[in-house]
Amino acid sequence: MITTNVLNALSETVFINTQRKSTKKFDFTVTRNNDGSYLVSQQAYRVYPSGHEVIKSSKTWVAENIQMLRKSAFMNNRQGRIFLKSIAIH
């Protein structure tokens, strides 16, 4: 529990997006760290008819700042584009 509190004090989740299909689920999360860097994580799941989910792949990237984050290759995927649109509004 202490570890979670320390992590929350050092970072802030700024974006979460979940995309679902009949047998797949994709999570995309962007976290801003206390030092101004960003951590991006993406998980792809297999969803079974019973509702059980199994992670098939998990990727993480680090960007030093928002400019580097915007230029990152993973921002070309669907969830990355949704994130970019969300920060363009703010």
PDB file of N, CA and C in Angstrom:
ATOM      1  N   MET A   1       0.821  -1.193   0.000  1.00  0.00           N
ATOM      2  CA  MET A   1       0.000   0.000   0.000  1.00  0.00           C
ATOM      3  C   MET A   1       0.863   1.254   0.000  1.00  0.00           C
ATOM      4  N   ILE A   2       1.953   1.252   0.719  1.00  0.00           N
ATOM      5  CA  ILE A   2       2.846   2.412   0.740  1.00  0.00           C
ATOM      6  C   ILE A   2       3.428   2.649  -0.649  1.00  0.00           C
ATOM      7  N   THR A   3       3.796   1.591  -1.340  1.00  0.00           N
ATOM      8  CA  THR A   3       4.353   1.726  -2.685  1.00  0.00           C
ATOM      9  C   THR A   3       3.366   2.417  -3.622  1.00  0.00           C
ATOM     10  N   THR A   4       2.105   2.051  -3.548  1.00  0.00           N
ATOM     11  CA  THR A   4       1.081   2.674  -4.384  1.00  0.00           C
ATOM     12  C   THR A   4       0.966   4.156  -4.082  1.00  0.00           C
ATOM     13  N   ASN A   5       0.981   4.527  -2.823  1.00  0.00           N
ATOM     14  CA  ASN A   5       0.878   5.940  -2.454  1.00  0.00           C
ATOM     15  C   ASN A   5       2.073   6.732  -2.956  1.00  0.00           C
ATOM     16  N   VAL A   6       3.261   6.169  -2.870  1.00  0.00           N
ATOM     17  CA  VAL A   6       4.460   6.846  -3.361  1.00  0.00           C
ATOM     18  C   VAL A   6       4.386   6.998  -4.873  1.00  0.00           C
ATOM     19  N   LEU A   7       3.973   5.957  -5.582  1.00  0.00           N
ATOM     20  CA  LEU A   7       3.841   6.018  -7.036  1.00  0.00           C
ATOM     21  C   LEU A   7       2.835   7.086  -7.437  1.00  0.00           C
ATOM     22  N   ASN A   8       1.701   7.150  -6.753  1.00  0.00           N
ATOM     23  CA  ASN A   8       0.689   8.154  -7.069  1.00  0.00           C
ATOM     24  C   ASN A   8       1.203   9.559  -6.823  1.00  0.00           C
ATOM     25  N   ALA A   9       2.060   9.735  -5.830  1.00  0.00           N
ATOM     26  CA  ALA A   9       2.615  11.054  -5.537  1.00  0.00           C
ATOM     27  C   ALA A   9       3.617  11.479  -6.610  1.00  0.00           C
ATOM     28  N   LEU A  10       4.227  10.524  -7.305  1.00  0.00           N
ATOM     29  CA  LEU A  10       5.247  10.823  -8.300  1.00  0.00           C
ATOM     30  C   LEU A  10       4.717  10.829  -9.731  1.00  0.00           C
ATOM     31  N   SER A  11       3.455  10.488  -9.922  1.00  0.00           N
ATOM     32  CA  SER A  11       2.914  10.428 -11.276  1.00  0.00           C
ATOM     33  C   SER A  11       1.421  10.741 -11.271  1.00  0.00           C
ATOM     34  N   GLU A  12       0.917  11.044 -12.471  1.00  0.00           N
ATOM     35  CA  GLU A  12      -0.502  11.343 -12.641  1.00  0.00           C
ATOM     36  C   GLU A  12      -0.965  10.740 -13.964  1.00  0.00           C
ATOM     37  N   THR A  13      -1.999   9.931 -13.917  1.00  0.00           N
ATOM     38  CA  THR A  13      -2.554   9.368 -15.142  1.00  0.00           C
ATOM     39  C   THR A  13      -3.319  10.470 -15.863  1.00  0.00           C
ATOM     40  N   VAL A  14      -2.923  10.752 -17.099  1.00  0.00           N
ATOM     41  CA  VAL A  14      -3.548  11.843 -17.848  1.00  0.00           C
ATOM     42  C   VAL A  14      -4.485  11.349 -18.950  1.00  0.00           C
ATOM     43  N   PHE A  15      -4.416  10.057 -19.277  1.00  0.00           N
ATOM     44  CA  PHE A  15      -5.266   9.536 -20.347  1.00  0.00           C
ATOM     45  C   PHE A  15      -5.391   8.028 -20.213  1.00  0.00           C
ATOM     46  N   ILE A  16      -6.614   7.547 -20.332  1.00  0.00           N
ATOM     47  CA  ILE A  16      -6.881   6.106 -20.379  1.00  0.00           C
ATOM     48  C   ILE A  16      -7.893   5.873 -21.492  1.00  0.00           C
ATOM     49  N   ASN A  17      -7.617   4.895 -22.346  1.00  0.00           N
ATOM     50  CA  ASN A  17      -8.551   4.547 -23.408  1.00  0.00           C
ATOM     51  C   ASN A  17      -8.610   3.036 -23.519  1.00  0.00           C
ATOM     52  N   THR A  18      -9.824   2.504 -23.577  1.00  0.00           N
ATOM     53  CA  THR A  18     -10.030   1.072 -23.765  1.00  0.00           C
ATOM     54  C   THR A  18     -10.874   0.868 -25.013  1.00  0.00           C
ATOM     55  N   GLN A  19     -10.386   0.052 -25.912  1.00  0.00           N
ATOM     56  CA  GLN A  19     -11.114  -0.318 -27.132  1.00  0.00           C
ATOM     57  C   GLN A  19     -11.470  -1.796 -27.014  1.00  0.00           C
ATOM     58  N   ARG A  20     -12.719  -2.132 -27.332  1.00  0.00           N
ATOM     59  CA  ARG A  20     -13.170  -3.522 -27.243  1.00  0.00           C
ATOM     60  C   ARG A  20     -13.716  -4.002 -28.581  1.00  0.00           C
ATOM     61  N   LYS A  21     -13.424  -5.253 -28.864  1.00  0.00           N
ATOM     62  CA  LYS A  21     -14.027  -5.966 -29.982  1.00  0.00           C
ATOM     63  C   LYS A  21     -14.558  -7.265 -29.395  1.00  0.00           C
ATOM     64  N   SER A  22     -15.187  -8.080 -30.183  1.00  0.00           N
ATOM     65  CA  SER A  22     -15.823  -9.280 -29.621  1.00  0.00           C
ATOM     66  C   SER A  22     -14.843 -10.202 -28.897  1.00  0.00           C
ATOM     67  N   THR A  23     -13.650 -10.381 -29.426  1.00  0.00           N
ATOM     68  CA  THR A  23     -12.694 -11.298 -28.789  1.00  0.00           C
ATOM     69  C   THR A  23     -11.389 -10.610 -28.392  1.00  0.00           C
ATOM     70  N   LYS A  24     -11.362  -9.269 -28.463  1.00  0.00           N
ATOM     71  CA  LYS A  24     -10.129  -8.539 -28.159  1.00  0.00           C
ATOM     72  C   LYS A  24     -10.429  -7.303 -27.326  1.00  0.00           C
ATOM     73  N   LYS A  25      -9.424  -6.875 -26.576  1.00  0.00           N
ATOM     74  CA  LYS A  25      -9.515  -5.643 -25.799  1.00  0.00           C
ATOM     75  C   LYS A  25      -8.140  -4.989 -25.824  1.00  0.00           C
ATOM     76  N   PHE A  26      -8.112  -3.660 -25.952  1.00  0.00           N
ATOM     77  CA  PHE A  26      -6.860  -2.914 -25.999  1.00  0.00           C
ATOM     78  C   PHE A  26      -6.924  -1.773 -24.991  1.00  0.00           C
ATOM     79  N   ASP A  27      -5.969  -1.720 -24.079  1.00  0.00           N
ATOM     80  CA  ASP A  27      -5.864  -0.630 -23.106  1.00  0.00           C
ATOM     81  C   ASP A  27      -4.680   0.244 -23.471  1.00  0.00           C
ATOM     82  N   PHE A  28      -4.847   1.551 -23.361  1.00  0.00           N
ATOM     83  CA  PHE A  28      -3.798   2.521 -23.670  1.00  0.00           C
ATOM     84  C   PHE A  28      -3.817   3.554 -22.554  1.00  0.00           C
ATOM     85  N   THR A  29      -2.698   3.714 -21.852  1.00  0.00           N
ATOM     86  CA  THR A  29      -2.619   4.623 -20.707  1.00  0.00           C
ATOM     87  C   THR A  29      -1.406   5.524 -20.847  1.00  0.00           C
ATOM     88  N   VAL A  30      -1.610   6.811 -20.562  1.00  0.00           N
ATOM     89  CA  VAL A  30      -0.517   7.780 -20.557  1.00  0.00           C
ATOM     90  C   VAL A  30      -0.425   8.356 -19.150  1.00  0.00           C
ATOM     91  N   THR A  31       0.771   8.287 -18.575  1.00  0.00           N
ATOM     92  CA  THR A  31       1.020   8.792 -17.230  1.00  0.00           C
ATOM     93  C   THR A  31       2.101   9.854 -17.289  1.00  0.00           C
ATOM     94  N   ARG A  32       1.835  10.996 -16.641  1.00  0.00           N
ATOM     95  CA  ARG A  32       2.841  12.061 -16.563  1.00  0.00           C
ATOM     96  C   ARG A  32       3.564  11.918 -15.229  1.00  0.00           C
ATOM     97  N   ASN A  33       4.881  11.800 -15.307  1.00  0.00           N
ATOM     98  CA  ASN A  33       5.695  11.671 -14.105  1.00  0.00           C
ATOM     99  C   ASN A  33       6.015  13.040 -13.523  1.00  0.00           C
ATOM    100  N   ASN A  34       6.379  13.040 -12.283  1.00  0.00           N
ATOM    101  CA  ASN A  34       6.714  14.247 -11.541  1.00  0.00           C
ATOM    102  C   ASN A  34       7.828  15.053 -12.222  1.00  0.00           C
ATOM    103  N   ASP A  35       8.743  14.402 -12.914  1.00  0.00           N
ATOM    104  CA  ASP A  35       9.871  15.086 -13.567  1.00  0.00           C
ATOM    105  C   ASP A  35       9.527  15.621 -14.963  1.00  0.00           C
ATOM    106  N   GLY A  36       8.256  15.485 -15.395  1.00  0.00           N
ATOM    107  CA  GLY A  36       7.837  15.985 -16.704  1.00  0.00           C
ATOM    108  C   GLY A  36       7.909  14.953 -17.813  1.00  0.00           C
ATOM    109  N   SER A  37       8.453  13.787 -17.528  1.00  0.00           N
ATOM    110  CA  SER A  37       8.496  12.724 -18.532  1.00  0.00           C
ATOM    111  C   SER A  37       7.147  11.999 -18.563  1.00  0.00           C
ATOM    112  N   TYR A  38       6.952  11.197 -19.589  1.00  0.00           N
ATOM    113  CA  TYR A  38       5.696  10.467 -19.764  1.00  0.00           C
ATOM    114  C   TYR A  38       5.973   8.979 -19.916  1.00  0.00           C
ATOM    115  N   LEU A  39       5.091   8.178 -19.352  1.00  0.00           N
ATOM    116  CA  LEU A  39       5.133   6.730 -19.497  1.00  0.00           C
ATOM    117  C   LEU A  39       3.855   6.323 -20.224  1.00  0.00           C
ATOM    118  N   VAL A  40       4.011   5.609 -21.317  1.00  0.00           N
ATOM    119  CA  VAL A  40       2.868   5.143 -22.099  1.00  0.00           C
ATOM    120  C   VAL A  40       2.861   3.623 -22.037  1.00  0.00           C
ATOM    121  N   SER A  41       1.705   3.054 -21.754  1.00  0.00           N
ATOM    122  CA  SER A  41       1.601   1.594 -21.747  1.00  0.00           C
ATOM    123  C   SER A  41       0.405   1.166 -22.586  1.00  0.00           C
ATOM    124  N   GLN A  42       0.582   0.041 -23.247  1.00  0.00           N
ATOM    125  CA  GLN A  42      -0.473  -0.507 -24.097  1.00  0.00           C
ATOM    126  C   GLN A  42      -0.520  -2.013 -23.879  1.00  0.00           C
ATOM    127  N   GLN A  43      -1.715  -2.526 -23.608  1.00  0.00           N
ATOM    128  CA  GLN A  43      -1.906  -3.958 -23.441  1.00  0.00           C
ATOM    129  C   GLN A  43      -2.963  -4.432 -24.425  1.00  0.00           C
ATOM    130  N   ALA A  44      -2.714  -5.603 -24.991  1.00  0.00           N
ATOM    131  CA  ALA A  44      -3.682  -6.258 -25.876  1.00  0.00           C
ATOM    132  C   ALA A  44      -4.116  -7.552 -25.194  1.00  0.00           C
ATOM    133  N   TYR A  45      -5.415  -7.754 -25.111  1.00  0.00           N
ATOM    134  CA  TYR A  45      -5.976  -8.911 -24.431  1.00  0.00           C
ATOM    135  C   TYR A  45      -6.748  -9.785 -25.408  1.00  0.00           C
ATOM    136  N   ARG A  46      -6.813 -11.056 -25.108  1.00  0.00           N
ATOM    137  CA  ARG A  46      -7.723 -11.997 -25.776  1.00  0.00           C
ATOM    138  C   ARG A  46      -8.887 -12.153 -24.825  1.00  0.00           C
ATOM    139  N   VAL A  47     -10.103 -11.930 -25.309  1.00  0.00           N
ATOM    140  CA  VAL A  47     -11.301 -12.059 -24.485  1.00  0.00           C
ATOM    141  C   VAL A  47     -12.040 -13.324 -24.906  1.00  0.00           C
ATOM    142  N   TYR A  48     -12.244 -14.219 -23.957  1.00  0.00           N
ATOM    143  CA  TYR A  48     -12.908 -15.488 -24.225  1.00  0.00           C
ATOM    144  C   TYR A  48     -14.417 -15.356 -24.028  1.00  0.00           C
ATOM    145  N   PRO A  49     -15.199 -16.263 -24.616  1.00  0.00           N
ATOM    146  CA  PRO A  49     -16.667 -16.193 -24.483  1.00  0.00           C
ATOM    147  C   PRO A  49     -17.144 -16.136 -23.030  1.00  0.00           C
ATOM    148  N   SER A  50     -16.385 -16.719 -22.122  1.00  0.00           N
ATOM    149  CA  SER A  50     -16.756 -16.697 -20.702  1.00  0.00           C
ATOM    150  C   SER A  50     -16.525 -15.321 -20.072  1.00  0.00           C
ATOM    151  N   GLY A  51     -15.822 -14.433 -20.804  1.00  0.00           N
ATOM    152  CA  GLY A  51     -15.483 -13.116 -20.264  1.00  0.00           C
ATOM    153  C   GLY A  51     -14.071 -13.054 -19.711  1.00  0.00           C
ATOM    154  N   HIS A  52     -13.425 -14.204 -19.613  1.00  0.00           N
ATOM    155  CA  HIS A  52     -12.052 -14.279 -19.117  1.00  0.00           C
ATOM    156  C   HIS A  52     -11.116 -13.560 -20.090  1.00  0.00           C
ATOM    157  N   GLU A  53     -10.187 -12.756 -19.549  1.00  0.00           N
ATOM    158  CA  GLU A  53      -9.239 -12.005 -20.380  1.00  0.00           C
ATOM    159  C   GLU A  53      -7.811 -12.462 -20.098  1.00  0.00           C
ATOM    160  N   VAL A  54      -7.024 -12.586 -21.169  1.00  0.00           N
ATOM    161  CA  VAL A  54      -5.615 -12.953 -21.049  1.00  0.00           C
ATOM    162  C   VAL A  54      -4.794 -11.921 -21.817  1.00  0.00           C
ATOM    163  N   ILE A  55      -3.782 -11.359 -21.157  1.00  0.00           N
ATOM    164  CA  ILE A  55      -2.911 -10.393 -21.829  1.00  0.00           C
ATOM    165  C   ILE A  55      -2.064 -11.130 -22.856  1.00  0.00           C
ATOM    166  N   LYS A  56      -2.128 -10.694 -24.105  1.00  0.00           N
ATOM    167  CA  LYS A  56      -1.338 -11.285 -25.182  1.00  0.00           C
ATOM    168  C   LYS A  56      -0.074 -10.484 -25.457  1.00  0.00           C
ATOM    169  N   SER A  57      -0.129  -9.178 -25.224  1.00  0.00           N
ATOM    170  CA  SER A  57       1.082  -8.368 -25.371  1.00  0.00           C
ATOM    171  C   SER A  57       0.972  -7.143 -24.480  1.00  0.00           C
ATOM    172  N   SER A  58       2.119  -6.684 -24.047  1.00  0.00           N
ATOM    173  CA  SER A  58       2.191  -5.492 -23.210  1.00  0.00           C
ATOM    174  C   SER A  58       3.425  -4.710 -23.634  1.00  0.00           C
ATOM    175  N   LYS A  59       3.231  -3.421 -23.901  1.00  0.00           N
ATOM    176  CA  LYS A  59       4.341  -2.576 -24.339  1.00  0.00           C
ATOM    177  C   LYS A  59       4.369  -1.320 -23.485  1.00  0.00           C
ATOM    178  N   THR A  60       5.564  -0.816 -23.243  1.00  0.00           N
ATOM    179  CA  THR A  60       5.708   0.457 -22.536  1.00  0.00           C
ATOM    180  C   THR A  60       6.754   1.302 -23.245  1.00  0.00           C
ATOM    181  N   TRP A  61       6.533   2.598 -23.212  1.00  0.00           N
ATOM    182  CA  TRP A  61       7.462   3.556 -23.795  1.00  0.00           C
ATOM    183  C   TRP A  61       7.638   4.707 -22.823  1.00  0.00           C
ATOM    184  N   VAL A  62       8.778   5.368 -22.887  1.00  0.00           N
ATOM    185  CA  VAL A  62       9.034   6.554 -22.072  1.00  0.00           C
ATOM    186  C   VAL A  62       9.394   7.700 -23.007  1.00  0.00           C
ATOM    187  N   ALA A  63       8.799   8.862 -22.758  1.00  0.00           N
ATOM    188  CA  ALA A  63       9.122  10.072 -23.520  1.00  0.00           C
ATOM    189  C   ALA A  63       9.597  11.126 -22.523  1.00  0.00           C
ATOM    190  N   GLU A  64      10.657  11.826 -22.863  1.00  0.00           N
ATOM    191  CA  GLU A  64      11.250  12.804 -21.948  1.00  0.00           C
ATOM    192  C   GLU A  64      10.344  13.993 -21.674  1.00  0.00           C
ATOM    193  N   ASN A  65       9.494  14.351 -22.644  1.00  0.00           N
ATOM    194  CA  ASN A  65       8.605  15.502 -22.471  1.00  0.00           C
ATOM    195  C   ASN A  65       7.443  15.384 -23.453  1.00  0.00           C
ATOM    196  N   ILE A  66       6.535  16.346 -23.405  1.00  0.00           N
ATOM    197  CA  ILE A  66       5.338  16.279 -24.248  1.00  0.00           C
ATOM    198  C   ILE A  66       5.679  16.371 -25.733  1.00  0.00           C
ATOM    199  N   GLN A  67       6.707  17.125 -26.089  1.00  0.00           N
ATOM    200  CA  GLN A  67       7.096  17.232 -27.498  1.00  0.00           C
ATOM    201  C   GLN A  67       7.573  15.882 -28.035  1.00  0.00           C
ATOM    202  N   MET A  68       8.395  15.192 -27.254  1.00  0.00           N
ATOM    203  CA  MET A  68       8.871  13.861 -27.663  1.00  0.00           C
ATOM    204  C   MET A  68       7.703  12.867 -27.719  1.00  0.00           C
ATOM    205  N   LEU A  69       6.770  13.019 -26.804  1.00  0.00           N
ATOM    206  CA  LEU A  69       5.602  12.143 -26.784  1.00  0.00           C
ATOM    207  C   LEU A  69       4.792  12.302 -28.069  1.00  0.00           C
ATOM    208  N   ARG A  70       4.576  13.531 -28.492  1.00  0.00           N
ATOM    209  CA  ARG A  70       3.799  13.795 -29.710  1.00  0.00           C
ATOM    210  C   ARG A  70       4.469  13.234 -30.955  1.00  0.00           C
ATOM    211  N   LYS A  71       5.800  13.161 -30.973  1.00  0.00           N
ATOM    212  CA  LYS A  71       6.547  12.694 -32.144  1.00  0.00           C
ATOM    213  C   LYS A  71       6.778  11.185 -32.160  1.00  0.00           C
ATOM    214  N   SER A  72       6.413  10.509 -31.093  1.00  0.00           N
ATOM    215  CA  SER A  72       6.688   9.073 -30.973  1.00  0.00           C
ATOM    216  C   SER A  72       5.897   8.260 -31.994  1.00  0.00           C
ATOM    217  N   ALA A  73       6.503   7.204 -32.488  1.00  0.00           N
ATOM    218  CA  ALA A  73       5.891   6.366 -33.526  1.00  0.00           C
ATOM    219  C   ALA A  73       4.582   5.732 -33.066  1.00  0.00           C
ATOM    220  N   PHE A  74       4.467   5.387 -31.789  1.00  0.00           N
ATOM    221  CA  PHE A  74       3.252   4.730 -31.319  1.00  0.00           C
ATOM    222  C   PHE A  74       2.036   5.651 -31.358  1.00  0.00           C
ATOM    223  N   MET A  75       2.251   6.949 -31.526  1.00  0.00           N
ATOM    224  CA  MET A  75       1.130   7.883 -31.629  1.00  0.00           C
ATOM    225  C   MET A  75       0.420   7.759 -32.977  1.00  0.00           C
ATOM    226  N   ASN A  76       0.955   6.944 -33.878  1.00  0.00           N
ATOM    227  CA  ASN A  76       0.296   6.697 -35.165  1.00  0.00           C
ATOM    228  C   ASN A  76      -0.766   5.608 -35.075  1.00  0.00           C
ATOM    229  N   ASN A  77      -0.829   4.890 -33.945  1.00  0.00           N
ATOM    230  CA  ASN A  77      -1.878   3.881 -33.833  1.00  0.00           C
ATOM    231  C   ASN A  77      -3.188   4.546 -33.406  1.00  0.00           C
ATOM    232  N   ARG A  78      -4.258   3.816 -33.471  1.00  0.00           N
ATOM    233  CA  ARG A  78      -5.591   4.375 -33.233  1.00  0.00           C
ATOM    234  C   ARG A  78      -5.705   5.070 -31.879  1.00  0.00           C
ATOM    235  N   GLN A  79      -5.267   4.401 -30.828  1.00  0.00           N
ATOM    236  CA  GLN A  79      -5.393   4.977 -29.495  1.00  0.00           C
ATOM    237  C   GLN A  79      -4.441   6.158 -29.299  1.00  0.00           C
ATOM    238  N   GLY A  80      -3.303   6.124 -29.933  1.00  0.00           N
ATOM    239  CA  GLY A  80      -2.384   7.260 -29.883  1.00  0.00           C
ATOM    240  C   GLY A  80      -2.996   8.492 -30.525  1.00  0.00           C
ATOM    241  N   ARG A  81      -3.672   8.307 -31.645  1.00  0.00           N
ATOM    242  CA  ARG A  81      -4.343   9.436 -32.320  1.00  0.00           C
ATOM    243  C   ARG A  81      -5.474   9.998 -31.470  1.00  0.00           C
ATOM    244  N   ILE A  82      -6.199   9.132 -30.776  1.00  0.00           N
ATOM    245  CA  ILE A  82      -7.266   9.592 -29.878  1.00  0.00           C
ATOM    246  C   ILE A  82      -6.657  10.441 -28.764  1.00  0.00           C
ATOM    247  N   PHE A  83      -5.529   9.995 -28.219  1.00  0.00           N
ATOM    248  CA  PHE A  83      -4.845  10.775 -27.183  1.00  0.00           C
ATOM    249  C   PHE A  83      -4.415  12.135 -27.721  1.00  0.00           C
ATOM    250  N   LEU A  84      -3.804  12.157 -28.895  1.00  0.00           N
ATOM    251  CA  LEU A  84      -3.348  13.428 -29.474  1.00  0.00           C
ATOM    252  C   LEU A  84      -4.508  14.396 -29.686  1.00  0.00           C
ATOM    253  N   LYS A  85      -5.652  13.889 -30.123  1.00  0.00           N
ATOM    254  CA  LYS A  85      -6.828  14.753 -30.283  1.00  0.00           C
ATOM    255  C   LYS A  85      -7.280  15.300 -28.935  1.00  0.00           C
ATOM    256  N   SER A  86      -7.190  14.479 -27.893  1.00  0.00           N
ATOM    257  CA  SER A  86      -7.644  14.925 -26.569  1.00  0.00           C
ATOM    258  C   SER A  86      -6.757  16.032 -26.007  1.00  0.00           C
ATOM    259  N   ILE A  87      -5.450  15.999 -26.287  1.00  0.00           N
ATOM    260  CA  ILE A  87      -4.586  17.059 -25.753  1.00  0.00           C
ATOM    261  C   ILE A  87      -4.608  18.293 -26.639  1.00  0.00           C
ATOM    262  N   ALA A  88      -5.024  18.157 -27.885  1.00  0.00           N
ATOM    263  CA  ALA A  88      -5.124  19.319 -28.772  1.00  0.00           C
ATOM    264  C   ALA A  88      -6.258  20.233 -28.324  1.00  0.00           C
ATOM    265  N   ILE A  89      -7.272  19.656 -27.692  1.00  0.00           N
ATOM    266  CA  ILE A  89      -8.428  20.416 -27.217  1.00  0.00           C
ATOM    267  C   ILE A  89      -8.064  21.234 -25.986  1.00  0.00           C
ATOM    268  N   HIS A  90      -7.180  20.695 -25.154  1.00  0.00           N
ATOM    269  CA  HIS A  90      -6.856  21.353 -23.879  1.00  0.00           C
ATOM    270  C   HIS A  90      -5.803  22.397 -24.026  1.00  0.00           C
TER     271      HIS A  90
END
